[in-house]
Every structure is written in structure tokens, then in C-alpha cells.
Protein backbone atom coordinates (compact mmCIF):
# COMPACT_ATOMS: atom_id res chain seq x y z
CA MET A 1 284.22 145.94 305.32
CA ARG A 2 286.60 143.27 304.07
CA THR A 3 284.49 140.13 304.00
CA LEU A 4 285.19 136.62 302.80
CA ALA A 5 282.13 134.44 302.24
CA ILE A 6 283.08 130.78 302.54
CA ALA A 7 281.47 127.39 302.20
CA ALA A 8 283.22 124.67 304.20
CA VAL A 9 281.86 121.43 302.76
CA GLN A 10 282.10 118.49 305.18
CA THR A 11 281.94 115.60 302.75
CA THR A 12 283.60 112.32 301.75
CA PRO A 13 285.47 111.05 298.71
CA VAL A 14 284.39 107.97 296.80
CA THR A 15 286.91 105.50 298.18
CA HIS A 16 289.70 104.67 295.72
CA ASP A 17 287.82 106.20 292.78
CA LEU A 18 289.55 109.34 291.51
CA THR A 19 287.05 110.07 288.75
CA ALA A 20 284.00 109.73 290.98
CA SER A 21 285.61 111.77 293.77
CA PHE A 22 286.36 114.64 291.40
CA GLY A 23 282.82 114.40 290.05
CA ARG A 24 281.39 114.61 293.58
CA PHE A 25 283.61 117.60 294.37
CA ALA A 26 282.71 119.41 291.15
CA GLY A 27 279.02 118.78 291.71
CA GLN A 28 279.23 120.16 295.23
CA VAL A 29 281.08 123.27 294.05
CA ARG A 30 278.45 123.91 291.40
CA ALA A 31 275.70 123.34 293.95
CA VAL A 32 277.29 125.89 296.31
CA ARG A 33 277.48 128.37 293.45
CA ALA A 34 273.80 127.88 292.63
CA THR A 35 272.51 127.75 296.22
CA PHE A 36 274.70 130.39 297.86
CA PRO A 37 275.60 132.90 295.13
CA HIS A 38 277.36 135.22 297.59
CA VAL A 39 280.00 132.60 298.49
CA GLN A 40 283.51 133.42 297.30
CA LEU A 41 285.57 130.41 298.46
CA VAL A 42 284.84 126.68 298.77
CA VAL A 43 286.99 124.32 300.84
CA VAL A 44 286.67 120.53 301.27
CA PRO A 45 288.52 117.96 303.44
CA GLU A 46 292.07 116.66 303.18
CA LEU A 47 292.82 114.13 300.40
CA MET A 48 289.30 114.43 298.96
CA LEU A 49 290.56 114.39 295.37
CA SER A 50 293.00 111.58 296.09
CA ALA A 51 289.98 109.45 297.05
CA GLU A 52 291.60 108.27 300.26
CA ALA A 53 289.92 105.41 302.14
CA PRO A 54 288.89 105.29 305.82
CA LEU A 55 291.70 104.59 308.26
CA LEU A 56 291.47 100.79 308.63
CA THR A 57 290.72 100.03 304.97
CA ASP A 58 293.43 98.13 303.11
CA HIS A 59 295.26 100.91 301.28
CA GLY A 60 297.69 98.75 299.33
CA ASP A 61 299.83 101.12 297.25
CA TRP A 62 297.02 103.65 296.84
CA MET A 63 299.20 106.66 297.68
CA ALA A 64 301.43 105.93 294.69
CA GLU A 65 298.48 105.08 292.44
CA SER A 66 296.61 108.27 293.27
CA SER A 67 299.43 110.83 293.28
CA PHE A 68 299.32 113.74 290.84
CA ALA A 69 301.83 116.09 289.27
CA VAL A 70 301.35 119.74 290.30
CA PRO A 71 300.81 121.51 287.98
CA GLY A 72 299.28 118.90 285.72
CA PRO A 73 295.97 117.61 284.34
CA LEU A 74 294.27 117.76 287.74
CA THR A 75 295.11 121.41 288.32
CA GLU A 76 293.97 122.18 284.78
CA ARG A 77 290.55 120.66 285.62
CA LEU A 78 290.44 122.59 288.88
CA GLY A 79 291.30 125.79 287.03
CA ALA A 80 288.49 125.20 284.55
CA LEU A 81 286.02 124.61 287.40
CA ALA A 82 287.17 127.79 289.17
CA ARG A 83 286.73 129.83 285.98
CA GLU A 84 283.31 128.28 285.34
CA THR A 85 282.01 129.09 288.82
CA GLY A 86 283.99 132.26 289.55
CA LEU A 87 285.03 130.82 292.92
CA TRP A 88 288.20 130.48 294.91
CA LEU A 89 288.78 126.76 295.46
CA VAL A 90 290.75 125.06 298.22
CA PRO A 91 290.08 121.48 297.08
CA GLY A 92 291.36 119.83 300.22
CA SER A 93 294.74 118.28 299.53
CA VAL A 94 296.17 115.73 297.13
CA TYR A 95 299.04 113.31 296.99
CA GLU A 96 301.57 115.24 294.94
CA LYS A 97 304.17 113.29 292.96
CA ALA A 98 307.04 115.76 292.99
CA ASP A 99 310.05 116.11 290.70
CA ASP A 100 312.37 115.33 293.63
CA GLY A 101 311.01 111.78 293.78
CA HIS A 102 309.01 112.32 296.98
CA THR A 103 305.27 112.22 297.50
CA TYR A 104 303.81 115.12 299.47
CA ASN A 105 300.40 115.82 300.96
CA THR A 106 299.72 119.10 299.20
CA ALA A 107 296.96 121.68 299.62
CA LEU A 108 296.14 123.97 296.72
CA ALA A 109 294.43 127.31 296.37
CA ILE A 110 292.98 127.98 292.93
CA SER A 111 291.94 131.52 292.01
CA PRO A 112 288.71 132.39 290.14
CA ASP A 113 290.96 132.99 287.12
CA GLY A 114 291.95 129.34 287.25
CA GLU A 115 295.52 129.95 288.42
CA ILE A 116 297.36 128.14 291.21
CA ALA A 117 297.53 130.88 293.83
CA ALA A 118 299.25 128.70 296.43
CA ARG A 119 300.72 125.21 296.85
CA TYR A 120 301.43 124.05 300.39
CA ARG A 121 303.12 120.77 301.28
CA LYS A 122 302.10 119.49 304.72
CA VAL A 123 304.96 120.25 307.08
CA PHE A 124 303.79 117.91 309.84
CA PRO A 125 302.47 114.60 308.45
CA TRP A 126 300.76 112.45 311.08
CA GLN A 127 303.72 110.21 311.84
CA PRO A 128 304.36 107.33 312.18
CA TYR A 129 301.12 106.60 310.29
CA GLU A 130 301.37 108.82 307.22
CA ARG A 131 304.00 108.01 304.61
CA THR A 132 304.23 111.35 302.79
CA ALA A 133 307.41 113.39 302.95
CA PRO A 134 307.22 116.54 305.09
CA GLY A 135 307.26 119.93 303.45
CA ASN A 136 309.55 122.68 304.67
CA GLU A 137 307.73 125.98 304.14
CA PHE A 138 304.55 127.67 305.33
CA ILE A 139 302.47 129.38 302.65
CA VAL A 140 300.08 132.35 302.55
CA PHE A 141 298.24 133.84 299.60
CA ASP A 142 296.36 137.05 298.90
CA LEU A 143 292.72 137.34 297.94
CA PRO A 144 292.81 140.70 296.14
CA GLY A 145 290.66 143.35 297.78
CA ILE A 146 289.83 141.03 300.68
CA GLY A 147 292.84 139.91 302.70
CA ARG A 148 295.43 137.20 303.19
CA ALA A 149 294.90 133.50 303.94
CA GLY A 150 297.24 130.77 305.09
CA LEU A 151 297.07 127.03 304.42
CA ALA A 152 297.50 124.23 306.95
CA ILE A 153 296.58 120.54 306.80
CA CYS A 154 295.12 118.48 309.64
CA TYR A 155 297.94 117.52 312.07
CA ASP A 156 299.72 120.82 311.34
CA GLY A 157 297.27 122.37 313.78
CA SER A 158 298.80 120.40 316.66
CA PHE A 159 302.02 122.40 316.32
CA PRO A 160 301.81 126.02 317.55
CA GLU A 161 304.58 126.96 315.13
CA THR A 162 302.18 126.51 312.21
CA ALA A 163 299.57 129.10 313.14
CA ARG A 164 302.15 131.49 314.59
CA GLN A 165 304.22 131.47 311.39
CA LEU A 166 301.16 131.89 309.15
CA ALA A 167 299.92 134.80 311.28
CA TRP A 168 303.41 136.32 311.30
CA LEU A 169 303.31 136.16 307.48
CA GLY A 170 300.07 138.15 307.60
CA ALA A 171 297.39 135.45 307.40
CA GLU A 172 294.04 136.67 308.69
CA VAL A 173 292.33 133.32 308.16
CA ILE A 174 293.86 129.84 308.27
CA ILE A 175 292.17 127.32 305.99
CA GLN A 176 292.83 123.81 307.29
CA PRO A 177 291.57 120.78 305.32
CA THR A 178 291.50 117.79 307.66
CA LEU A 179 290.98 114.02 307.54
CA THR A 180 290.57 112.78 311.11
CA THR A 181 288.90 109.46 311.75
CA THR A 182 289.92 109.07 315.40
CA ARG A 183 288.59 110.32 318.73
CA ASP A 184 291.39 112.84 319.13
CA ARG A 185 289.30 115.15 316.98
CA GLU A 186 288.26 116.67 320.31
CA MET A 187 291.87 117.73 320.88
CA GLU A 188 292.00 119.24 317.40
CA LEU A 189 289.01 121.40 318.27
CA VAL A 190 290.89 122.65 321.33
CA CYS A 191 293.92 123.41 319.16
CA ALA A 192 291.80 125.26 316.59
CA ARG A 193 290.41 127.57 319.27
CA ALA A 194 293.81 128.08 320.85
CA ASN A 195 295.47 128.81 317.50
CA ALA A 196 292.76 131.33 316.63
CA TRP A 197 292.91 133.09 320.00
CA THR A 198 296.68 133.23 320.47
CA ASN A 199 297.28 134.45 316.92
CA GLN A 200 294.09 136.51 316.48
CA VAL A 201 293.05 134.85 313.22
CA TYR A 202 290.04 132.96 311.91
CA VAL A 203 290.54 129.19 311.71
CA VAL A 204 288.44 127.09 309.31
CA SER A 205 289.05 123.39 310.02
CA VAL A 206 287.15 121.19 307.55
CA ASN A 207 287.09 117.51 308.43
CA ALA A 208 285.71 114.61 306.38
CA ALA A 209 282.23 113.30 307.15
CA ASP A 210 281.40 109.80 308.36
CA PRO A 211 282.58 107.18 307.37
CA ALA A 212 285.76 108.76 306.00
CA GLY A 213 286.15 110.94 309.10
CA VAL A 214 284.37 111.91 312.29
CA GLY A 215 283.25 115.35 311.09
CA ALA A 216 283.05 118.16 313.65
CA SER A 217 284.28 120.78 311.17
CA LEU A 218 284.35 124.21 312.70
CA ILE A 219 284.90 127.91 312.14
CA VAL A 220 286.58 129.89 314.93
CA ASP A 221 286.83 133.67 315.09
CA PRO A 222 289.94 135.70 316.08
CA GLU A 223 288.85 135.76 319.72
CA GLY A 224 288.69 131.97 319.91
CA ILE A 225 284.90 131.81 319.79
CA VAL A 226 283.35 128.98 317.78
CA ARG A 227 281.03 130.48 315.19
CA GLN A 228 279.85 127.15 313.77
CA GLN A 229 280.52 123.46 314.35
CA ALA A 230 279.26 120.55 312.28
CA GLY A 231 278.01 117.15 313.39
CA GLY A 232 279.33 113.88 312.01
CA GLY A 233 277.52 113.61 308.67
CA GLU A 234 277.68 115.48 305.40
CA GLU A 235 276.85 119.17 305.68
CA VAL A 236 278.06 122.59 304.65
CA LEU A 237 279.08 125.47 306.90
CA VAL A 238 278.39 128.77 305.16
CA ASP A 239 279.73 131.90 306.82
CA VAL A 240 280.86 135.43 306.05
CA LEU A 241 284.15 136.24 307.76
CA ASP A 242 284.73 139.92 308.53
CA LEU A 243 288.49 140.26 308.16
CA ASP A 244 288.36 143.75 309.65
CA THR A 245 287.58 141.91 312.88
CA VAL A 246 291.17 140.64 312.80
CA THR A 247 292.40 144.23 312.58
CA ARG A 248 290.14 145.28 315.46
CA VAL A 249 291.11 142.38 317.72
CA ARG A 250 294.81 142.88 317.08
CA ALA A 251 294.48 146.59 317.83
CA TYR A 252 292.22 146.45 320.89
CA GLY A 253 292.63 142.91 322.14
CA SER A 254 290.58 139.74 322.48
CA ALA A 255 287.48 140.68 324.49
CA GLY A 256 288.96 144.18 324.40
CA LEU A 257 291.78 143.00 326.67
CA ASN A 258 294.62 140.81 325.35
CA ARG A 259 297.01 142.15 322.70
CA PRO A 260 299.78 139.59 322.12
CA TRP A 261 300.99 140.92 318.77
CA ALA A 262 301.34 144.46 320.10
CA GLN A 263 303.28 143.15 323.08
CA LEU A 264 305.58 141.09 320.87
CA ALA A 265 306.21 144.20 318.77
CA ARG A 266 307.26 146.13 321.89
CA TYR A 267 309.36 143.53 323.67
CA GLY A 268 309.83 140.50 321.44
CA ASP A 269 313.31 141.34 320.23
CA ARG A 270 314.51 141.42 323.86
CA VAL A 271 313.37 137.85 324.54
CA THR A 272 315.93 135.11 323.93
CA LEU A 273 314.37 132.17 322.08
CA PRO A 274 317.04 129.44 322.03
CA MET A 275 314.64 126.91 320.48
CA TYR A 276 314.53 129.09 317.36
CA GLY A 277 318.12 130.26 317.46
CA GLY A 278 317.40 133.91 318.16
CA SER A 279 314.67 136.28 319.22
CA PHE A 280 311.31 137.45 317.91
CA HIS A 281 311.39 139.58 314.76
CA GLN A 282 308.48 141.95 314.28
CA ALA A 283 305.81 140.73 311.91
CA PRO A 284 305.99 142.47 308.51
CA TRP A 285 302.41 143.77 308.82
CA ASN A 286 302.89 145.13 312.35
CA THR A 287 303.92 148.78 312.16
CA ARG A 288 303.59 149.53 315.84
CA PRO A 289 306.69 151.17 317.34
CA ASN A 290 309.08 148.87 319.16
CA PRO A 291 310.72 151.06 321.85
């Protein structure tokens, strides 16, 4: 079995306090390590380490004040915490002050060796409300001996292109830090299930707790079934994801019936897709014949 034991921590930052927010995060990671020693990966909500405030709080120029260089001192601290605990860390996302002069909303994956395994810049900021620049590339990373994960951030889940591209790149689980404070969280839950089912992947959507967000974090399996869903307050969802389930569902179908990837492998290159300027190209991991 290829299993990934995760802890999705539905929590809140300390508003506009970078030091205290990192301290809260580090304490929670250490508590997960001590309480659930089998856990391999910890993920927290979007912009946790940038100490973002609730939606209607006066933000001033907080985005500029709280942005970090990547790599930089913050990633060094994250690397030290990962080495200390032996955990994979997806510490939500941060405001990244990039060399090109833009500020991005950037999710990181830190390996247990303390290295930056992935850096993903949010492709679909929640416009017109968010002021970060959009990224231009979807990112996956390998967990050696386990499988492949993809990163998405909050509003990315509202665009089917996100999950489809990550799955095409071989992601078996999509890790999606989120910061939703509005009642459209219900629609995000629908999208999470749809993205999981149509792409036959796990989706782990980790929202902030009240008052920073409305909670309702969830874990969805590759057949679109909700394994766990949180309430509105602080809590942790601990689960063991069997990534061989992804292999089984892709081979035999959701509920033993629906096999979209196999069908795309057979016929996708014959379908004209003008929106994308071409046709479907077989996913690199899909070795099924394409007659």
C-alpha cells in the first residue's frame, strides 16, 4: 500500500502578527507530531504565515508589509521545523515578494529534509478583490516512495483547468490551502467533490477557522465521496490516504463504472478543443493504448 497520513489543521493566524502566527503554526506542527506520530504531512490554511486579517478588517498596506522572499529567512525557519519534526509541511501560502517586482500568493511544500520541494504561485487570485499577481504554472511534487501531489490555492478550485492539469501531470492528491470567509464556501465544497470525481484524485481543501474563515475543511476521495468535513471552529482532520485507490479507480472506474482517463487515452486526440488550441494529449502516466 502507498499511504499518505495527513493532518489538515483548520486554524487561524494571529491577525497582522507574523511572529505570533509562525509561533502558532510551529506549535501546532509539534503538537501533531507528538499526538499523531504516524502523520507524514501537515497542511494549514491559505496566508496563515502572512497573518492575514478577516475580510472586512482594514488591511492598509499589509500585503506589502508581510511579503517574504522565497527562498529566504522564512523558508529557512520552515526547513528547520521540518527537519526537527521529520514532517512534510505545506504551510498554507504566503505573500511572496518576487524578483520581478510582483507580489504572489505562493504555496510551499517543504520536505522532511528541510528543502523546498515545490513553490506554487496562485494562478487564479480571487479577483477583483485580491491584489496579488497571477502565477502562470501548475506545480506537482513527488513524495518519495508514496506518490505525487499537486498544489492549488482556494479560488483555483473554481476553475476545472486547475485540477485537470494537476491530474494530467500525475497528481494523486491535490492539497488546497484556502481562506474563505464568505457563504460561497458551499460552492467550493461542490467544486472539491467534482474535481476529485472527474479527475479521480484526492482533494484536501483546508479552510481557515472562524473568525478568519468559515471553516468546512474537507477531504474527498477519488470517487468524489467526502471522507471528512470540519465544522466552523478550530480542529484537525487526520486521515490516511491510500494512493493505490487512485490507481484502482482510474483502472476500474468510479463506483466500478466511470473511467474518464481511459476514455481520454483512447479518443482524446481525435477531439478538437479550440479553447485550448488543439486536442487532448495523453497524460504522461497513462500507458493505456490509444487505438
